[in-house]
N, C-alpha and C. Protein backbone atom coordinates (compact mmCIF):
# COMPACT_ATOMS: atom_id res chain seq x y z
N MET A 1 -19.70 -2.64 -11.31
CA MET A 1 -18.39 -2.50 -11.07
C MET A 1 -17.77 -2.37 -12.39
N THR A 2 -16.90 -1.42 -12.64
CA THR A 2 -15.87 -1.14 -13.79
C THR A 2 -14.53 -1.43 -13.22
N ILE A 3 -13.90 -2.18 -14.02
CA ILE A 3 -12.57 -2.70 -13.77
C ILE A 3 -11.78 -1.91 -14.96
N ILE A 4 -10.81 -1.02 -14.52
CA ILE A 4 -9.82 -0.35 -15.38
C ILE A 4 -8.26 -0.41 -14.86
N GLY A 5 -7.51 -0.93 -15.60
CA GLY A 5 -6.01 -0.88 -15.39
C GLY A 5 -5.52 0.45 -15.56
N ARG A 6 -4.89 1.35 -14.53
CA ARG A 6 -4.44 2.60 -14.93
C ARG A 6 -2.88 2.58 -14.37
N VAL A 7 -1.99 3.24 -15.34
CA VAL A 7 -0.75 3.37 -14.88
C VAL A 7 -0.13 4.73 -15.74
N GLN A 8 0.67 5.32 -14.81
CA GLN A 8 1.06 6.75 -15.18
C GLN A 8 2.64 6.64 -14.95
N ARG A 9 3.48 7.34 -15.92
CA ARG A 9 5.02 7.28 -15.70
C ARG A 9 5.39 8.46 -17.03
N ASP A 10 6.34 9.10 -16.65
CA ASP A 10 7.20 10.19 -17.50
C ASP A 10 6.31 10.81 -18.22
N GLY A 11 5.17 11.41 -17.72
CA GLY A 11 4.12 12.07 -18.42
C GLY A 11 3.14 11.51 -19.19
N VAL A 12 3.07 10.08 -19.11
CA VAL A 12 1.95 9.40 -19.78
C VAL A 12 1.17 8.68 -18.84
N SER A 13 -0.24 8.80 -19.24
CA SER A 13 -1.23 8.09 -18.44
C SER A 13 -1.77 7.13 -19.49
N VAL A 14 -2.19 5.91 -19.20
CA VAL A 14 -3.07 5.22 -19.86
C VAL A 14 -3.94 4.31 -19.08
N GLU A 15 -5.40 4.02 -19.66
CA GLU A 15 -6.15 3.14 -19.04
C GLU A 15 -6.56 2.21 -20.01
N VAL A 16 -6.62 0.99 -19.49
CA VAL A 16 -6.75 -0.39 -20.25
C VAL A 16 -7.80 -1.26 -19.49
N ALA A 17 -8.79 -1.81 -20.44
CA ALA A 17 -9.90 -2.48 -19.89
C ALA A 17 -9.50 -4.01 -19.89
N PRO A 18 -10.13 -4.82 -18.92
CA PRO A 18 -9.59 -6.28 -19.01
C PRO A 18 -9.50 -6.74 -20.43
N GLY A 19 -8.79 -7.45 -20.82
CA GLY A 19 -8.75 -8.19 -22.31
C GLY A 19 -7.86 -7.33 -23.24
N GLY A 20 -7.53 -6.08 -22.70
CA GLY A 20 -6.68 -5.19 -23.35
C GLY A 20 -7.19 -4.12 -24.29
N ALA A 21 -8.47 -3.82 -23.88
CA ALA A 21 -8.82 -2.59 -24.90
C ALA A 21 -8.44 -1.42 -24.53
N LEU A 22 -7.92 -0.48 -25.03
CA LEU A 22 -7.43 0.57 -24.71
C LEU A 22 -8.43 1.67 -24.51
N ARG A 23 -8.48 2.19 -23.26
CA ARG A 23 -9.47 3.20 -22.91
C ARG A 23 -9.07 4.66 -23.31
N SER A 24 -7.86 4.94 -22.61
CA SER A 24 -7.33 6.25 -22.92
C SER A 24 -6.09 6.37 -22.91
N VAL A 25 -5.47 7.58 -23.52
CA VAL A 25 -4.09 7.84 -23.43
C VAL A 25 -3.94 9.20 -23.29
N GLU A 26 -3.25 9.84 -22.22
CA GLU A 26 -2.95 11.10 -22.19
C GLU A 26 -1.49 11.62 -21.81
N LEU A 27 -1.05 12.35 -22.55
CA LEU A 27 0.22 13.11 -22.64
C LEU A 27 0.52 14.28 -22.11
N GLU A 28 1.27 14.60 -21.01
CA GLU A 28 1.60 15.72 -20.46
C GLU A 28 2.72 16.44 -21.22
N PRO A 29 2.90 17.88 -21.13
CA PRO A 29 3.88 18.15 -21.91
C PRO A 29 5.31 17.54 -21.78
N ALA A 30 5.68 17.07 -20.56
CA ALA A 30 7.10 16.23 -20.36
C ALA A 30 7.15 15.12 -21.30
N ALA A 31 6.06 14.45 -21.49
CA ALA A 31 6.00 13.19 -22.46
C ALA A 31 6.64 13.61 -23.64
N LEU A 32 6.37 14.82 -24.35
CA LEU A 32 6.61 15.08 -25.66
C LEU A 32 8.26 15.34 -25.64
N GLN A 33 8.97 15.58 -24.60
CA GLN A 33 10.26 15.66 -24.53
C GLN A 33 11.09 14.59 -24.61
N LEU A 34 10.31 13.26 -24.75
CA LEU A 34 10.99 11.78 -24.58
C LEU A 34 11.57 11.72 -25.90
N GLY A 35 11.08 12.18 -26.95
CA GLY A 35 11.30 11.80 -28.33
C GLY A 35 10.43 10.83 -29.05
N GLY A 36 10.34 10.65 -30.27
CA GLY A 36 9.31 9.90 -30.74
C GLY A 36 9.40 8.41 -30.33
N ALA A 37 10.77 7.67 -30.45
CA ALA A 37 11.09 6.35 -30.25
C ALA A 37 10.73 5.88 -28.74
N LYS A 38 11.22 6.71 -27.94
CA LYS A 38 11.00 6.53 -26.35
C LYS A 38 9.64 6.80 -25.96
N LEU A 39 9.13 7.92 -26.37
CA LEU A 39 7.54 7.93 -26.17
C LEU A 39 6.71 6.69 -26.67
N ALA A 40 7.06 6.33 -27.90
CA ALA A 40 6.28 5.10 -28.29
C ALA A 40 6.49 3.82 -27.50
N LYS A 41 7.56 3.58 -27.11
CA LYS A 41 8.08 2.59 -26.37
C LYS A 41 7.35 2.72 -25.06
N THR A 42 7.42 3.65 -24.21
CA THR A 42 6.74 4.12 -22.93
C THR A 42 5.21 3.82 -23.16
N ILE A 43 4.59 4.12 -23.86
CA ILE A 43 3.19 4.04 -24.31
C ILE A 43 2.95 2.62 -24.34
N LEU A 44 3.58 1.89 -25.10
CA LEU A 44 3.53 0.43 -25.19
C LEU A 44 3.72 -0.32 -23.92
N THR A 45 4.76 0.08 -23.26
CA THR A 45 5.09 -0.63 -22.00
C THR A 45 4.01 -0.27 -20.99
N LEU A 46 3.37 0.93 -20.95
CA LEU A 46 2.36 1.38 -20.08
C LEU A 46 1.12 0.59 -20.44
N VAL A 47 0.74 0.43 -21.60
CA VAL A 47 -0.55 -0.24 -21.97
C VAL A 47 -0.41 -1.71 -21.51
N ARG A 48 0.78 -2.36 -21.72
CA ARG A 48 0.91 -3.89 -21.45
C ARG A 48 0.62 -4.09 -19.73
N GLU A 49 1.26 -2.79 -19.01
CA GLU A 49 1.35 -3.05 -17.62
C GLU A 49 -0.14 -2.84 -17.11
N ALA A 50 -0.90 -1.84 -17.88
CA ALA A 50 -2.23 -1.52 -17.26
C ALA A 50 -2.97 -2.91 -17.74
N GLY A 51 -2.79 -3.18 -18.72
CA GLY A 51 -3.61 -4.43 -19.14
C GLY A 51 -3.46 -5.78 -18.29
N ARG A 52 -1.91 -5.87 -17.68
CA ARG A 52 -2.12 -6.86 -16.86
C ARG A 52 -2.69 -6.45 -15.50
N HIS A 53 -2.71 -5.19 -15.16
CA HIS A 53 -3.46 -4.97 -13.81
C HIS A 53 -4.81 -5.05 -13.94
N ALA A 54 -5.41 -4.86 -15.10
CA ALA A 54 -6.99 -4.77 -15.27
C ALA A 54 -7.15 -6.48 -15.35
N ASN A 55 -6.37 -7.21 -15.98
CA ASN A 55 -6.76 -8.65 -16.02
C ASN A 55 -6.73 -9.16 -14.80
N GLN A 56 -5.86 -8.96 -14.12
CA GLN A 56 -5.54 -9.55 -12.75
C GLN A 56 -6.93 -8.99 -11.71
N ASP A 57 -7.08 -8.05 -11.87
CA ASP A 57 -8.36 -7.36 -11.15
C ASP A 57 -9.54 -8.10 -11.39
N ALA A 58 -9.72 -8.20 -12.84
CA ALA A 58 -10.98 -8.98 -13.33
C ALA A 58 -11.07 -10.20 -12.93
N GLU A 59 -9.73 -11.09 -13.03
CA GLU A 59 -9.61 -12.55 -12.56
C GLU A 59 -10.07 -12.59 -11.15
N GLU A 60 -9.61 -11.77 -10.36
CA GLU A 60 -9.81 -12.00 -8.76
C GLU A 60 -11.31 -11.68 -8.74
N ALA A 61 -12.10 -10.76 -9.10
CA ALA A 61 -13.37 -10.36 -9.16
C ALA A 61 -14.11 -11.77 -9.75
N ILE A 62 -13.84 -12.30 -10.99
CA ILE A 62 -14.55 -13.52 -11.47
C ILE A 62 -14.15 -14.80 -10.29
N ARG A 63 -13.05 -14.94 -10.01
CA ARG A 63 -12.93 -16.04 -9.21
C ARG A 63 -13.79 -15.96 -7.85
N ALA A 64 -13.90 -14.74 -7.53
CA ALA A 64 -14.63 -14.38 -6.07
C ALA A 64 -16.04 -14.76 -6.19
N GLN A 65 -16.63 -14.44 -7.53
CA GLN A 65 -17.89 -14.72 -7.92
C GLN A 65 -18.35 -16.25 -8.14
N LEU A 66 -17.27 -16.86 -9.15
CA LEU A 66 -17.61 -17.92 -9.78
C LEU A 66 -16.87 -19.21 -9.37
N GLY A 67 -15.41 -18.84 -8.92
CA GLY A 67 -14.72 -19.97 -8.57
C GLY A 67 -14.56 -21.11 -9.48
N GLY A 68 -13.58 -21.94 -9.31
CA GLY A 68 -13.35 -23.14 -10.18
C GLY A 68 -13.23 -23.04 -11.75
N LEU A 69 -12.99 -21.79 -12.12
CA LEU A 69 -12.48 -21.63 -13.61
C LEU A 69 -11.04 -21.88 -13.66
N SER A 70 -10.56 -22.48 -14.63
CA SER A 70 -9.22 -22.91 -14.85
C SER A 70 -8.40 -21.72 -15.78
N ASP A 71 -7.18 -21.79 -15.94
CA ASP A 71 -6.69 -20.70 -16.52
C ASP A 71 -6.78 -20.85 -17.91
N GLU A 72 -7.16 -21.79 -18.56
CA GLU A 72 -7.57 -22.06 -19.81
C GLU A 72 -8.85 -21.21 -20.06
N ASP A 73 -9.84 -21.37 -18.95
CA ASP A 73 -10.90 -20.56 -19.11
C ASP A 73 -10.77 -19.05 -19.30
N PHE A 74 -9.77 -18.62 -18.50
CA PHE A 74 -9.53 -17.14 -18.44
C PHE A 74 -8.91 -16.83 -19.72
N ALA A 75 -8.28 -17.74 -20.25
CA ALA A 75 -7.52 -17.33 -21.43
C ALA A 75 -8.61 -17.18 -22.41
N VAL A 76 -9.82 -18.09 -22.56
CA VAL A 76 -10.79 -17.78 -23.41
C VAL A 76 -11.68 -16.47 -23.42
N LEU A 77 -11.60 -16.03 -21.96
CA LEU A 77 -12.12 -14.74 -21.71
C LEU A 77 -11.45 -13.55 -22.35
N GLY A 78 -10.01 -13.84 -22.60
CA GLY A 78 -9.31 -12.92 -22.96
C GLY A 78 -8.37 -12.22 -21.81
N LEU A 79 -8.48 -12.92 -20.64
CA LEU A 79 -7.64 -12.70 -19.29
C LEU A 79 -6.54 -13.73 -19.11
N ALA A 80 -5.61 -13.53 -19.98
CA ALA A 80 -4.33 -14.49 -20.01
C ALA A 80 -3.66 -14.34 -18.49
N ALA A 81 -3.15 -15.24 -18.06
CA ALA A 81 -2.35 -15.44 -16.86
C ALA A 81 -1.31 -14.24 -17.04
N TYR A 82 -0.78 -13.63 -15.84
CA TYR A 82 0.19 -12.70 -15.93
C TYR A 82 1.32 -12.84 -16.68
N ASP A 83 1.70 -14.11 -16.45
CA ASP A 83 3.11 -14.53 -17.11
C ASP A 83 2.99 -14.79 -18.49
N GLU A 84 1.61 -14.86 -19.32
CA GLU A 84 1.28 -15.11 -20.43
C GLU A 84 1.38 -13.98 -21.21
N VAL A 85 1.44 -12.68 -20.72
CA VAL A 85 0.94 -11.49 -21.53
C VAL A 85 2.56 -11.04 -21.81
N PRO A 86 2.85 -10.70 -23.15
CA PRO A 86 4.26 -10.64 -23.57
C PRO A 86 4.78 -9.47 -22.85
N ASN A 87 6.11 -9.60 -22.54
CA ASN A 87 6.94 -8.58 -22.06
C ASN A 87 7.34 -7.62 -23.17
N ASP A 88 8.13 -6.64 -23.05
CA ASP A 88 8.51 -5.71 -24.01
C ASP A 88 9.39 -6.40 -25.06
N ASP A 89 10.57 -7.21 -24.65
CA ASP A 89 11.27 -7.80 -25.69
C ASP A 89 10.29 -8.80 -26.33
N GLN A 90 9.45 -9.65 -25.82
CA GLN A 90 8.78 -10.68 -26.49
C GLN A 90 7.78 -10.09 -27.35
N ALA A 91 7.34 -8.69 -27.12
CA ALA A 91 6.47 -8.00 -27.99
C ALA A 91 6.97 -7.41 -29.05
N ALA A 92 8.25 -7.14 -28.98
CA ALA A 92 9.02 -6.44 -30.09
C ALA A 92 9.46 -7.52 -30.91
N ALA A 93 9.93 -8.68 -30.57
CA ALA A 93 10.05 -9.75 -31.35
C ALA A 93 8.99 -10.17 -32.33
N ALA A 94 7.82 -10.35 -31.70
CA ALA A 94 6.60 -10.59 -32.40
C ALA A 94 6.16 -9.55 -33.48
N ASP A 95 6.38 -8.24 -33.11
CA ASP A 95 6.32 -7.30 -33.87
C ASP A 95 7.06 -7.44 -35.15
N GLU A 96 8.41 -7.63 -34.84
CA GLU A 96 9.47 -7.84 -35.99
C GLU A 96 9.01 -9.01 -37.02
N GLY A 97 8.69 -10.04 -36.21
CA GLY A 97 8.37 -11.05 -37.23
C GLY A 97 7.10 -10.69 -37.98
N ARG A 98 6.37 -9.81 -37.69
CA ARG A 98 4.97 -9.74 -38.58
C ARG A 98 5.57 -8.79 -39.62
N ARG A 99 6.57 -8.29 -39.77
CA ARG A 99 7.01 -7.09 -40.72
C ARG A 99 7.61 -8.11 -41.96
């Protein structure tokens, strides 16, 4: 079984594996009309959203097979709880702090 989070919006399609590894980004011509800043923000938003979907699906699959794992166990596996994945504002603040 392969678990991949997929999201598409505004001419941008992304696929992300559990744990956050980016698998693909596809841009339709309409996406290029968004402008650089909006396109970048859209891609980052969709990557985070697809990552949440992939992590959720992976967690459900693992719980069904193993059960009894704590949220800390899932964090160690790179599958943070959905509310632990930073939203756009939190991610922007973290990016700003790294500069």
